[in-house]
Amino acid sequence: MALARRVQINVSQLRRYEAGAAEPSLGVLRRLATGLSVSSDLLVFDTDERVPSNDALRLAFEATDHLDSDEQQAVQVVLEGFLARHEARLGGEGPRGPKTKRE
């Protein structure tokens, strides 16, 4: 199988991944994503798993693709502010996980 050769794993191991009988290590996952020319998110998450379940929010986020880079940056700053406020109310625990140093 060409993919197995490309990512340097045994064909039987690739079949186990495909069947869900085994999970690849992070290194193999990276090689699979590169070998398939896709993001690792595409291999790890279901298609709708990383988008808001609220339809209005999902549509609003999709609409930001049509904004210019300055407008997108402004949306990101506002959203980060809301998320930081939410995390502060929860004592550092919020939708993005435990509070860590952010750049």
C-alpha atoms as a PDB file:
ATOM      1  CA  MET A   1       0.000   0.000   0.000  1.00  0.00           C
ATOM      2  CA  ALA A   2       1.476   3.328  -1.102  1.00  0.00           C
ATOM      3  CA  LEU A   3       0.393   5.291   1.987  1.00  0.00           C
ATOM      4  CA  ALA A   4       2.040   2.817   4.351  1.00  0.00           C
ATOM      5  CA  ARG A   5       5.308   3.121   2.418  1.00  0.00           C
ATOM      6  CA  ARG A   6       5.012   6.908   2.273  1.00  0.00           C
ATOM      7  CA  VAL A   7       4.597   7.243   6.044  1.00  0.00           C
ATOM      8  CA  GLN A   8       6.973   4.372   6.847  1.00  0.00           C
ATOM      9  CA  ILE A   9       4.596   2.075   8.720  1.00  0.00           C
ATOM     10  CA  ASN A  10       3.601  -1.540   8.187  1.00  0.00           C
ATOM     11  CA  VAL A  11       0.499  -2.114   6.049  1.00  0.00           C
ATOM     12  CA  SER A  12      -1.074  -4.270   8.759  1.00  0.00           C
ATOM     13  CA  GLN A  13      -0.595  -1.455  11.293  1.00  0.00           C
ATOM     14  CA  LEU A  14      -2.227   1.020   8.890  1.00  0.00           C
ATOM     15  CA  ARG A  15      -5.189  -1.359   8.557  1.00  0.00           C
ATOM     16  CA  ARG A  16      -5.500  -1.492  12.359  1.00  0.00           C
ATOM     17  CA  TYR A  17      -5.648   2.327  12.426  1.00  0.00           C
ATOM     18  CA  GLU A  18      -8.283   2.334   9.680  1.00  0.00           C
ATOM     19  CA  ALA A  19     -10.384  -0.270  11.518  1.00  0.00           C
ATOM     20  CA  GLY A  20     -10.149   1.620  14.814  1.00  0.00           C
ATOM     21  CA  ALA A  21      -8.372  -1.293  16.471  1.00  0.00           C
ATOM     22  CA  ALA A  22      -5.325   0.863  17.284  1.00  0.00           C
ATOM     23  CA  GLU A  23      -4.469   4.544  17.517  1.00  0.00           C
ATOM     24  CA  PRO A  24      -1.351   6.045  15.963  1.00  0.00           C
ATOM     25  CA  SER A  25       1.268   7.813  18.035  1.00  0.00           C
ATOM     26  CA  LEU A  26       1.652  11.553  17.600  1.00  0.00           C
ATOM     27  CA  GLY A  27       4.642  10.997  15.303  1.00  0.00           C
ATOM     28  CA  VAL A  28       2.721   8.593  13.084  1.00  0.00           C
ATOM     29  CA  LEU A  29      -0.286  10.937  13.088  1.00  0.00           C
ATOM     30  CA  ARG A  30       1.948  13.755  11.847  1.00  0.00           C
ATOM     31  CA  ARG A  31       3.386  11.543   9.109  1.00  0.00           C
ATOM     32  CA  LEU A  32      -0.104  10.407   8.077  1.00  0.00           C
ATOM     33  CA  ALA A  33      -1.330  14.007   7.867  1.00  0.00           C
ATOM     34  CA  THR A  34       1.702  14.969   5.794  1.00  0.00           C
ATOM     35  CA  GLY A  35       1.410  11.874   3.610  1.00  0.00           C
ATOM     36  CA  LEU A  36      -2.269  12.584   2.944  1.00  0.00           C
ATOM     37  CA  SER A  37      -1.718  16.362   2.564  1.00  0.00           C
ATOM     38  CA  VAL A  38      -4.329  17.164   5.206  1.00  0.00           C
ATOM     39  CA  SER A  39      -4.296  18.721   8.667  1.00  0.00           C
ATOM     40  CA  SER A  40      -4.003  16.442  11.666  1.00  0.00           C
ATOM     41  CA  ASP A  41      -7.314  17.944  12.889  1.00  0.00           C
ATOM     42  CA  LEU A  42      -9.014  16.336   9.902  1.00  0.00           C
ATOM     43  CA  LEU A  43      -7.666  12.951  10.984  1.00  0.00           C
ATOM     44  CA  VAL A  44      -8.479  13.379  14.686  1.00  0.00           C
ATOM     45  CA  PHE A  45     -11.805  15.214  14.855  1.00  0.00           C
ATOM     46  CA  ASP A  46     -15.182  14.629  13.257  1.00  0.00           C
ATOM     47  CA  THR A  47     -16.069  17.335  10.734  1.00  0.00           C
ATOM     48  CA  ASP A  48     -18.502  19.153  13.058  1.00  0.00           C
ATOM     49  CA  GLU A  49     -16.657  18.509  16.310  1.00  0.00           C
ATOM     50  CA  ARG A  50     -14.568  21.685  16.184  1.00  0.00           C
ATOM     51  CA  VAL A  51     -17.310  24.160  15.259  1.00  0.00           C
ATOM     52  CA  PRO A  52     -19.847  25.817  17.563  1.00  0.00           C
ATOM     53  CA  SER A  53     -23.037  23.799  18.051  1.00  0.00           C
ATOM     54  CA  ASN A  54     -25.003  27.057  18.151  1.00  0.00           C
ATOM     55  CA  ASP A  55     -26.021  27.747  14.531  1.00  0.00           C
ATOM     56  CA  ALA A  56     -25.994  31.541  14.916  1.00  0.00           C
ATOM     57  CA  LEU A  57     -22.451  31.498  16.323  1.00  0.00           C
ATOM     58  CA  ARG A  58     -21.262  29.058  13.666  1.00  0.00           C
ATOM     59  CA  LEU A  59     -22.637  31.286  10.880  1.00  0.00           C
ATOM     60  CA  ALA A  60     -21.105  34.380  12.472  1.00  0.00           C
ATOM     61  CA  PHE A  61     -17.696  32.684  12.693  1.00  0.00           C
ATOM     62  CA  GLU A  62     -17.963  31.520   9.086  1.00  0.00           C
ATOM     63  CA  ALA A  63     -18.768  35.095   8.037  1.00  0.00           C
ATOM     64  CA  THR A  64     -15.465  36.310   9.489  1.00  0.00           C
ATOM     65  CA  ASP A  65     -13.718  34.640   6.532  1.00  0.00           C
ATOM     66  CA  HIS A  66     -15.031  37.515   4.416  1.00  0.00           C
ATOM     67  CA  LEU A  67     -13.484  40.210   6.620  1.00  0.00           C
ATOM     68  CA  ASP A  68     -10.146  41.791   5.873  1.00  0.00           C
ATOM     69  CA  SER A  69      -7.210  40.933   8.139  1.00  0.00           C
ATOM     70  CA  ASP A  70      -7.625  44.032  10.359  1.00  0.00           C
ATOM     71  CA  GLU A  71     -11.300  43.229  10.916  1.00  0.00           C
ATOM     72  CA  GLN A  72     -10.496  39.598  11.664  1.00  0.00           C
ATOM     73  CA  GLN A  73      -7.888  40.741  14.193  1.00  0.00           C
ATOM     74  CA  ALA A  74     -10.482  42.983  15.871  1.00  0.00           C
ATOM     75  CA  VAL A  75     -12.941  40.074  16.141  1.00  0.00           C
ATOM     76  CA  GLN A  76     -10.214  37.910  17.654  1.00  0.00           C
ATOM     77  CA  VAL A  77      -9.301  40.574  20.232  1.00  0.00           C
ATOM     78  CA  VAL A  78     -12.944  40.989  21.290  1.00  0.00           C
ATOM     79  CA  LEU A  79     -13.461  37.228  21.530  1.00  0.00           C
ATOM     80  CA  GLU A  80     -10.255  36.784  23.553  1.00  0.00           C
ATOM     81  CA  GLY A  81     -11.518  39.507  25.924  1.00  0.00           C
ATOM     82  CA  PHE A  82     -14.826  37.714  26.469  1.00  0.00           C
ATOM     83  CA  LEU A  83     -13.089  34.383  27.027  1.00  0.00           C
ATOM     84  CA  ALA A  84     -10.570  35.915  29.458  1.00  0.00           C
ATOM     85  CA  ARG A  85     -13.412  37.517  31.440  1.00  0.00           C
ATOM     86  CA  HIS A  86     -15.249  34.201  31.553  1.00  0.00           C
ATOM     87  CA  GLU A  87     -12.120  32.369  32.733  1.00  0.00           C
ATOM     88  CA  ALA A  88     -11.503  34.993  35.416  1.00  0.00           C
ATOM     89  CA  ARG A  89     -15.018  34.460  36.782  1.00  0.00           C
ATOM     90  CA  LEU A  90     -14.317  30.714  36.955  1.00  0.00           C
ATOM     91  CA  GLY A  91     -10.984  31.157  38.720  1.00  0.00           C
ATOM     92  CA  GLY A  92      -8.816  30.402  35.711  1.00  0.00           C
ATOM     93  CA  GLU A  93     -10.770  27.394  34.443  1.00  0.00           C
ATOM     94  CA  GLY A  94     -12.711  28.029  31.283  1.00  0.00           C
ATOM     95  CA  PRO A  95     -13.590  26.778  27.829  1.00  0.00           C
ATOM     96  CA  ARG A  96      -9.952  26.795  26.786  1.00  0.00           C
ATOM     97  CA  GLY A  97      -8.804  24.653  29.703  1.00  0.00           C
ATOM     98  CA  PRO A  98      -6.655  25.565  32.718  1.00  0.00           C
ATOM     99  CA  LYS A  99      -5.236  29.052  32.726  1.00  0.00           C
ATOM    100  CA  THR A 100      -1.793  29.119  31.181  1.00  0.00           C
ATOM    101  CA  LYS A 101       0.515  31.889  30.062  1.00  0.00           C
ATOM    102  CA  ARG A 102      -0.718  33.175  26.696  1.00  0.00           C
ATOM    103  CA  GLU A 103       1.258  35.173  24.180  1.00  0.00           C
END
